[in-house]
């Protein structure tokens, strides 16, 4: 389930700059973004950034769990 990106920024202050940069690159205000942790067989350290309609608008190399 997608959660507000602001929650992840608050929970992972060491990654806040990376997340804010990814949000800026997406063109969507950080307050309107949600994130979804994604994993693959190679990595678990990235999140998809979603807009209000849950369209993927960006990503960040951050552990979302």
N, C-alpha and C. Protein backbone atom coordinates (compact mmCIF):
# COMPACT_ATOMS: atom_id res chain seq x y z
N UNK A 1 0.83 -1.18 0.00
CA UNK A 1 0.00 0.00 0.00
C UNK A 1 0.87 1.24 0.00
N UNK A 2 0.58 2.17 -0.90
CA UNK A 2 1.36 3.40 -1.01
C UNK A 2 1.09 4.30 0.20
N UNK A 3 2.16 4.93 0.68
CA UNK A 3 2.08 5.82 1.84
C UNK A 3 2.63 7.19 1.46
N UNK A 4 2.28 8.23 2.22
CA UNK A 4 2.79 9.57 1.92
C UNK A 4 4.32 9.62 1.98
N UNK A 5 4.91 10.26 1.00
CA UNK A 5 6.37 10.37 0.97
C UNK A 5 6.89 11.13 2.19
N UNK A 6 6.12 12.06 2.70
CA UNK A 6 6.56 12.83 3.87
C UNK A 6 6.81 11.92 5.06
N UNK A 7 6.09 10.81 5.16
CA UNK A 7 6.33 9.85 6.25
C UNK A 7 7.69 9.19 6.12
N UNK A 8 8.07 8.83 4.90
CA UNK A 8 9.37 8.20 4.68
C UNK A 8 10.50 9.20 4.95
N UNK A 9 10.31 10.44 4.53
CA UNK A 9 11.31 11.47 4.79
C UNK A 9 11.51 11.64 6.30
N UNK A 10 10.44 11.65 7.06
CA UNK A 10 10.53 11.80 8.51
C UNK A 10 11.18 10.58 9.16
N UNK A 11 10.90 9.40 8.63
CA UNK A 11 11.42 8.16 9.20
C UNK A 11 12.87 7.90 8.84
N UNK A 12 13.32 8.43 7.71
CA UNK A 12 14.69 8.18 7.23
C UNK A 12 15.40 9.51 6.96
N UNK A 13 15.69 10.28 8.02
CA UNK A 13 16.31 11.59 7.82
C UNK A 13 17.65 11.52 7.07
N UNK A 14 18.34 10.40 7.17
CA UNK A 14 19.62 10.26 6.45
C UNK A 14 19.41 10.21 4.93
N UNK A 15 18.19 9.93 4.48
CA UNK A 15 17.87 9.88 3.06
C UNK A 15 16.99 11.04 2.60
N UNK A 16 16.75 11.99 3.48
CA UNK A 16 15.83 13.08 3.18
C UNK A 16 16.26 13.88 1.95
N UNK A 17 17.54 14.18 1.81
CA UNK A 17 18.00 14.96 0.66
C UNK A 17 17.77 14.20 -0.65
N UNK A 18 18.06 12.91 -0.65
CA UNK A 18 17.85 12.08 -1.84
C UNK A 18 16.38 12.04 -2.21
N UNK A 19 15.51 11.89 -1.22
CA UNK A 19 14.07 11.82 -1.46
C UNK A 19 13.52 13.16 -1.95
N UNK A 20 13.99 14.25 -1.36
CA UNK A 20 13.53 15.57 -1.81
C UNK A 20 13.98 15.87 -3.23
N UNK A 21 15.19 15.46 -3.58
CA UNK A 21 15.69 15.66 -4.94
C UNK A 21 14.86 14.84 -5.93
N UNK A 22 14.56 13.59 -5.59
CA UNK A 22 13.74 12.75 -6.46
C UNK A 22 12.34 13.35 -6.62
N UNK A 23 11.80 13.90 -5.54
CA UNK A 23 10.49 14.54 -5.61
C UNK A 23 10.54 15.75 -6.53
N UNK A 24 11.58 16.56 -6.38
CA UNK A 24 11.73 17.74 -7.25
C UNK A 24 11.84 17.32 -8.71
N UNK A 25 12.61 16.28 -8.98
CA UNK A 25 12.78 15.80 -10.36
C UNK A 25 11.48 15.28 -10.95
N UNK A 26 10.57 14.81 -10.08
CA UNK A 26 9.29 14.27 -10.56
C UNK A 26 8.36 15.37 -11.05
N UNK A 27 8.58 16.60 -10.57
CA UNK A 27 7.71 17.70 -10.95
C UNK A 27 6.43 17.78 -10.13
N UNK A 28 6.31 16.92 -9.12
CA UNK A 28 5.13 16.91 -8.26
C UNK A 28 5.57 17.37 -6.87
N UNK A 29 4.76 18.21 -6.24
CA UNK A 29 5.07 18.68 -4.90
C UNK A 29 5.20 17.51 -3.94
N UNK A 30 6.21 17.55 -3.08
CA UNK A 30 6.47 16.45 -2.15
C UNK A 30 5.25 16.12 -1.30
N UNK A 31 4.45 17.12 -0.97
CA UNK A 31 3.25 16.88 -0.15
C UNK A 31 2.20 16.06 -0.88
N UNK A 32 2.29 16.00 -2.20
CA UNK A 32 1.31 15.26 -3.00
C UNK A 32 1.82 13.92 -3.50
N UNK A 33 3.01 13.54 -3.05
CA UNK A 33 3.58 12.27 -3.50
C UNK A 33 3.37 11.16 -2.48
N UNK A 34 3.27 9.96 -3.01
CA UNK A 34 3.21 8.76 -2.19
C UNK A 34 4.37 7.89 -2.64
N UNK A 35 4.74 6.92 -1.82
CA UNK A 35 5.83 6.02 -2.20
C UNK A 35 5.40 4.58 -2.01
N UNK A 36 6.07 3.73 -2.75
CA UNK A 36 5.82 2.30 -2.66
C UNK A 36 7.18 1.61 -2.71
N UNK A 37 7.55 0.90 -1.63
CA UNK A 37 8.81 0.16 -1.67
C UNK A 37 8.73 -0.95 -2.70
N UNK A 38 9.79 -1.09 -3.47
CA UNK A 38 9.84 -2.14 -4.48
C UNK A 38 11.12 -2.95 -4.31
N UNK A 39 11.03 -4.21 -4.62
CA UNK A 39 12.19 -5.08 -4.50
C UNK A 39 12.37 -5.87 -5.79
N UNK A 40 13.56 -6.34 -5.96
CA UNK A 40 13.86 -7.24 -7.07
C UNK A 40 14.84 -8.27 -6.55
N UNK A 41 15.23 -9.18 -7.39
CA UNK A 41 16.19 -10.19 -6.96
C UNK A 41 17.57 -9.59 -6.72
N UNK A 42 17.79 -8.38 -7.25
CA UNK A 42 19.11 -7.74 -7.13
C UNK A 42 19.20 -6.69 -6.03
N UNK A 43 18.08 -6.03 -5.71
CA UNK A 43 18.14 -4.96 -4.71
C UNK A 43 16.80 -4.79 -4.01
N UNK A 44 16.88 -4.28 -2.80
CA UNK A 44 15.68 -3.94 -2.04
C UNK A 44 15.67 -2.46 -1.69
N UNK A 45 16.65 -1.74 -2.19
CA UNK A 45 16.84 -0.36 -1.79
C UNK A 45 16.37 0.64 -2.82
N UNK A 46 15.07 0.62 -3.12
CA UNK A 46 14.52 1.69 -3.94
C UNK A 46 13.02 1.78 -3.75
N UNK A 47 12.51 2.97 -4.01
CA UNK A 47 11.07 3.22 -3.88
C UNK A 47 10.57 3.89 -5.15
N UNK A 48 9.34 3.58 -5.49
CA UNK A 48 8.66 4.26 -6.59
C UNK A 48 7.93 5.46 -6.01
N UNK A 49 7.96 6.58 -6.72
CA UNK A 49 7.21 7.77 -6.32
C UNK A 49 5.95 7.84 -7.16
N UNK A 50 4.83 8.02 -6.50
CA UNK A 50 3.53 7.99 -7.16
C UNK A 50 2.80 9.31 -6.96
N UNK A 51 2.07 9.73 -8.00
CA UNK A 51 1.26 10.95 -7.88
C UNK A 51 -0.09 10.60 -7.25
N UNK A 52 -0.98 11.58 -7.21
CA UNK A 52 -2.29 11.38 -6.56
C UNK A 52 -3.13 10.30 -7.23
N UNK A 53 -2.89 10.05 -8.52
CA UNK A 53 -3.64 9.01 -9.24
C UNK A 53 -2.88 7.68 -9.24
N UNK A 54 -1.82 7.62 -8.44
CA UNK A 54 -0.96 6.44 -8.30
C UNK A 54 -0.21 6.08 -9.57
N UNK A 55 0.07 7.10 -10.40
CA UNK A 55 0.94 6.92 -11.55
C UNK A 55 2.38 7.08 -11.09
N UNK A 56 3.27 6.21 -11.55
CA UNK A 56 4.67 6.34 -11.18
C UNK A 56 5.25 7.56 -11.88
N UNK A 57 5.81 8.47 -11.07
CA UNK A 57 6.38 9.70 -11.62
C UNK A 57 7.87 9.83 -11.32
N UNK A 58 8.42 8.88 -10.59
CA UNK A 58 9.84 8.91 -10.27
C UNK A 58 10.22 7.76 -9.37
N UNK A 59 11.46 7.80 -8.95
CA UNK A 59 11.98 6.76 -8.06
C UNK A 59 13.14 7.33 -7.27
N UNK A 60 13.50 6.61 -6.21
CA UNK A 60 14.64 7.03 -5.39
C UNK A 60 15.36 5.78 -4.89
N UNK A 61 16.68 5.81 -4.82
CA UNK A 61 17.45 4.67 -4.35
C UNK A 61 17.52 4.63 -2.82
N UNK A 62 16.37 4.38 -2.21
CA UNK A 62 16.22 4.40 -0.75
C UNK A 62 15.45 3.16 -0.32
N UNK A 63 15.84 2.58 0.81
CA UNK A 63 15.11 1.46 1.38
C UNK A 63 13.79 1.97 1.96
N UNK A 64 12.68 1.51 1.42
CA UNK A 64 11.36 1.99 1.86
C UNK A 64 10.73 1.15 2.95
N UNK A 65 11.43 0.13 3.41
CA UNK A 65 10.85 -0.74 4.45
C UNK A 65 11.26 -0.33 5.83
